[in-house]
């Protein structure tokens, strides 16, 4: 998929997304069993790219390194990544192995594969992994992508969005 198509798809998604007042309130657990909430991470003055993945998703396995590189390059500047594994309690061991195998430098939380949880991310019905949710620095959802997404495509989206916002200011 070309970058222009991804950007166009993300911007079109903006029109279909419900209005949210900041980061979603979704209590989950990290891979060590500690209680966490996605609103601890989303909406704290940085772009947040949430990637929903599972250990047995071939595309996730192939593409997750793109998000690791994005996080490493931009975490101290303007963007972070948050992983959400849909492996659930029955596959916690496999989820941990996936994180270790890919040496993921970002926080990963776990949930059961559930529409009830995933729709709370604010982009409607969940289709499958990988799915990316893009939140602006204020925690507002501004895009979604189902399927592969590269670091370059995310960075171009962020840069284009920032440029649009800058041009909209009086």
Protein backbone atom coordinates (compact mmCIF):
# COMPACT_ATOMS: atom_id res chain seq x y z
CA UNK A 1 0.00 0.00 0.00
CA UNK A 2 1.44 3.38 -0.92
CA UNK A 3 1.99 6.04 1.67
CA UNK A 4 -0.59 8.29 0.04
CA UNK A 5 -3.19 5.52 0.25
CA UNK A 6 -2.42 4.90 3.93
CA UNK A 7 -2.61 8.61 4.70
CA UNK A 8 -5.84 8.95 2.75
CA UNK A 9 -7.32 5.94 4.55
CA UNK A 10 -6.31 7.33 7.95
CA UNK A 11 -7.71 10.75 7.19
CA UNK A 12 -10.93 9.20 5.89
CA UNK A 13 -11.15 7.26 9.14
CA UNK A 14 -11.20 10.58 10.97
CA UNK A 15 -14.62 11.28 9.56
CA UNK A 16 -16.00 7.98 10.81
CA UNK A 17 -14.51 7.99 14.29
CA UNK A 18 -16.64 8.94 17.27
CA UNK A 19 -15.64 11.99 19.28
CA UNK A 20 -13.77 11.01 22.45
CA UNK A 21 -12.84 13.27 25.29
CA UNK A 22 -9.21 12.30 25.69
CA UNK A 23 -7.59 8.93 26.20
CA UNK A 24 -9.82 5.90 26.66
CA UNK A 25 -10.26 4.38 30.10
CA UNK A 26 -9.38 0.72 29.57
CA UNK A 27 -8.07 -1.24 32.56
CA UNK A 28 -5.79 -4.11 31.52
CA UNK A 29 -2.71 -5.92 32.88
CA UNK A 30 0.90 -5.90 31.82
CA UNK A 31 2.64 -9.18 31.02
CA UNK A 32 3.74 -9.47 34.65
CA UNK A 33 0.15 -9.29 35.93
CA UNK A 34 0.25 -5.72 37.24
CA UNK A 35 -2.90 -3.60 36.87
CA UNK A 36 -2.49 -0.90 34.23
CA UNK A 37 -4.76 1.44 32.30
CA UNK A 38 -4.14 2.62 28.76
CA UNK A 39 -4.89 6.19 29.88
CA UNK A 40 -1.64 6.07 31.89
CA UNK A 41 0.15 6.01 28.54
CA UNK A 42 -2.10 7.65 25.93
CA UNK A 43 -2.55 11.42 25.92
CA UNK A 44 0.51 12.59 27.78
CA UNK A 45 1.86 15.15 25.29
CA UNK A 46 3.11 12.56 22.78
CA UNK A 47 1.64 10.78 19.82
CA UNK A 48 0.73 7.23 20.79
CA UNK A 49 0.53 4.39 18.30
CA UNK A 50 -1.35 1.46 19.78
CA UNK A 51 -0.68 -1.81 18.00
CA UNK A 52 -3.04 -4.71 18.66
CA UNK A 53 -1.13 -7.95 18.05
CA UNK A 54 -1.14 -11.65 18.80
CA UNK A 55 1.72 -14.13 19.03
CA UNK A 56 0.40 -16.26 16.16
CA UNK A 57 -0.23 -13.39 13.72
CA UNK A 58 2.24 -13.73 10.83
CA UNK A 59 1.92 -10.08 9.82
CA UNK A 60 2.50 -9.02 13.44
CA UNK A 61 5.59 -11.20 13.61
CA UNK A 62 6.93 -9.72 10.38
CA UNK A 63 6.01 -6.05 11.05
CA UNK A 64 6.38 -5.46 14.82
CA UNK A 65 10.02 -4.49 14.36
CA UNK A 66 8.82 -1.38 12.50
CA UNK A 67 6.99 -0.21 15.62
CA UNK A 68 9.96 -1.07 17.85
CA UNK A 69 12.17 1.11 15.64
CA UNK A 70 9.61 3.94 15.68
CA UNK A 71 9.38 3.83 19.47
CA UNK A 72 13.15 3.79 19.93
CA UNK A 73 13.68 6.68 17.52
CA UNK A 74 10.92 8.97 18.80
CA UNK A 75 10.15 8.07 22.45
CA UNK A 76 12.25 10.92 23.79
CA UNK A 77 10.81 13.37 21.25
CA UNK A 78 7.18 13.15 20.25
CA UNK A 79 5.83 9.60 19.84
CA UNK A 80 5.58 6.27 21.64
CA UNK A 81 4.16 2.84 20.92
CA UNK A 82 1.86 0.81 23.15
CA UNK A 83 1.36 -2.87 22.41
CA UNK A 84 -1.89 -4.66 23.21
CA UNK A 85 -1.70 -8.42 22.87
CA UNK A 86 -4.95 -10.25 22.34
CA UNK A 87 -3.42 -13.54 23.41
CA UNK A 88 -5.30 -13.63 26.71
CA UNK A 89 -4.37 -15.55 29.85
CA UNK A 90 -4.25 -18.90 28.05
CA UNK A 91 -1.38 -17.69 25.85
CA UNK A 92 0.53 -15.46 28.26
CA UNK A 93 3.66 -17.60 27.87
CA UNK A 94 3.56 -17.19 24.08
CA UNK A 95 2.97 -13.43 24.39
CA UNK A 96 6.00 -13.08 26.66
CA UNK A 97 8.09 -15.10 24.21
CA UNK A 98 6.96 -12.83 21.33
CA UNK A 99 8.01 -9.71 23.27
CA UNK A 100 11.35 -11.29 24.16
CA UNK A 101 12.02 -12.60 20.64
CA UNK A 102 11.42 -9.17 19.13
CA UNK A 103 13.10 -7.32 22.03
CA UNK A 104 10.15 -4.91 22.18
CA UNK A 105 11.17 -1.68 23.92
CA UNK A 106 7.63 -0.45 24.57
CA UNK A 107 4.96 -1.32 27.12
CA UNK A 108 2.75 -4.28 26.23
CA UNK A 109 -0.57 -4.98 27.92
CA UNK A 110 -2.68 -8.11 27.60
CA UNK A 111 -6.38 -8.69 27.10
CA UNK A 112 -8.65 -11.49 26.07
CA UNK A 113 -9.71 -11.33 22.41
CA UNK A 114 -12.93 -9.39 22.92
CA UNK A 115 -14.96 -6.89 20.92
CA UNK A 116 -16.11 -5.43 24.23
CA UNK A 117 -12.58 -4.36 25.11
CA UNK A 118 -11.30 -3.44 21.65
CA UNK A 119 -14.17 -1.11 20.70
CA UNK A 120 -13.21 1.02 23.69
CA UNK A 121 -10.15 2.14 21.73
CA UNK A 122 -12.58 4.32 19.81
CA UNK A 123 -12.50 3.14 16.22
CA UNK A 124 -15.53 0.87 16.07
CA UNK A 125 -15.66 -2.86 15.51
CA UNK A 126 -12.36 -4.71 15.85
CA UNK A 127 -11.50 -6.77 12.77
CA UNK A 128 -8.21 -8.51 13.57
CA UNK A 129 -4.48 -8.25 14.11
CA UNK A 130 -2.53 -6.24 13.48
CA UNK A 131 -4.65 -3.15 14.04
CA UNK A 132 -3.14 0.25 14.74
CA UNK A 133 -4.84 3.09 16.59
CA UNK A 134 -3.20 6.50 16.33
CA UNK A 135 -3.76 9.02 19.13
CA UNK A 136 -2.63 12.64 19.03
CA UNK A 137 -0.67 14.14 21.96
CA UNK A 138 -3.94 15.12 23.70
CA UNK A 139 -5.18 11.53 23.60
CA UNK A 140 -7.73 11.98 20.83
CA UNK A 141 -7.95 9.13 18.34
CA UNK A 142 -7.12 10.45 14.88
CA UNK A 143 -6.56 7.31 12.82
CA UNK A 144 -6.76 3.58 12.51
CA UNK A 145 -5.11 1.08 10.20
CA UNK A 146 -6.02 -2.59 9.86
CA UNK A 147 -3.15 -4.65 8.52
CA UNK A 148 0.53 -3.87 7.92
CA UNK A 149 1.83 -0.40 8.68
CA UNK A 150 5.44 0.77 8.42
CA UNK A 151 7.37 3.18 10.56
CA UNK A 152 7.71 5.52 7.58
CA UNK A 153 3.94 5.54 7.01
CA UNK A 154 3.27 6.40 10.67
CA UNK A 155 5.89 9.14 10.63
CA UNK A 156 4.48 10.60 7.43
CA UNK A 157 0.98 10.54 8.95
CA UNK A 158 2.18 12.34 12.10
CA UNK A 159 4.14 14.90 10.10
CA UNK A 160 1.20 15.53 7.75
CA UNK A 161 -1.23 15.83 10.65
CA UNK A 162 1.07 18.26 12.46
CA UNK A 163 1.45 20.30 9.27
CA UNK A 164 -2.34 20.43 8.76
CA UNK A 165 -2.89 21.58 12.36
CA UNK A 166 -0.17 24.19 12.02
CA UNK A 167 -1.75 25.50 8.80
CA UNK A 168 -5.19 25.67 10.50
CA UNK A 169 -3.95 28.04 13.20
CA UNK A 170 -4.79 31.71 12.57
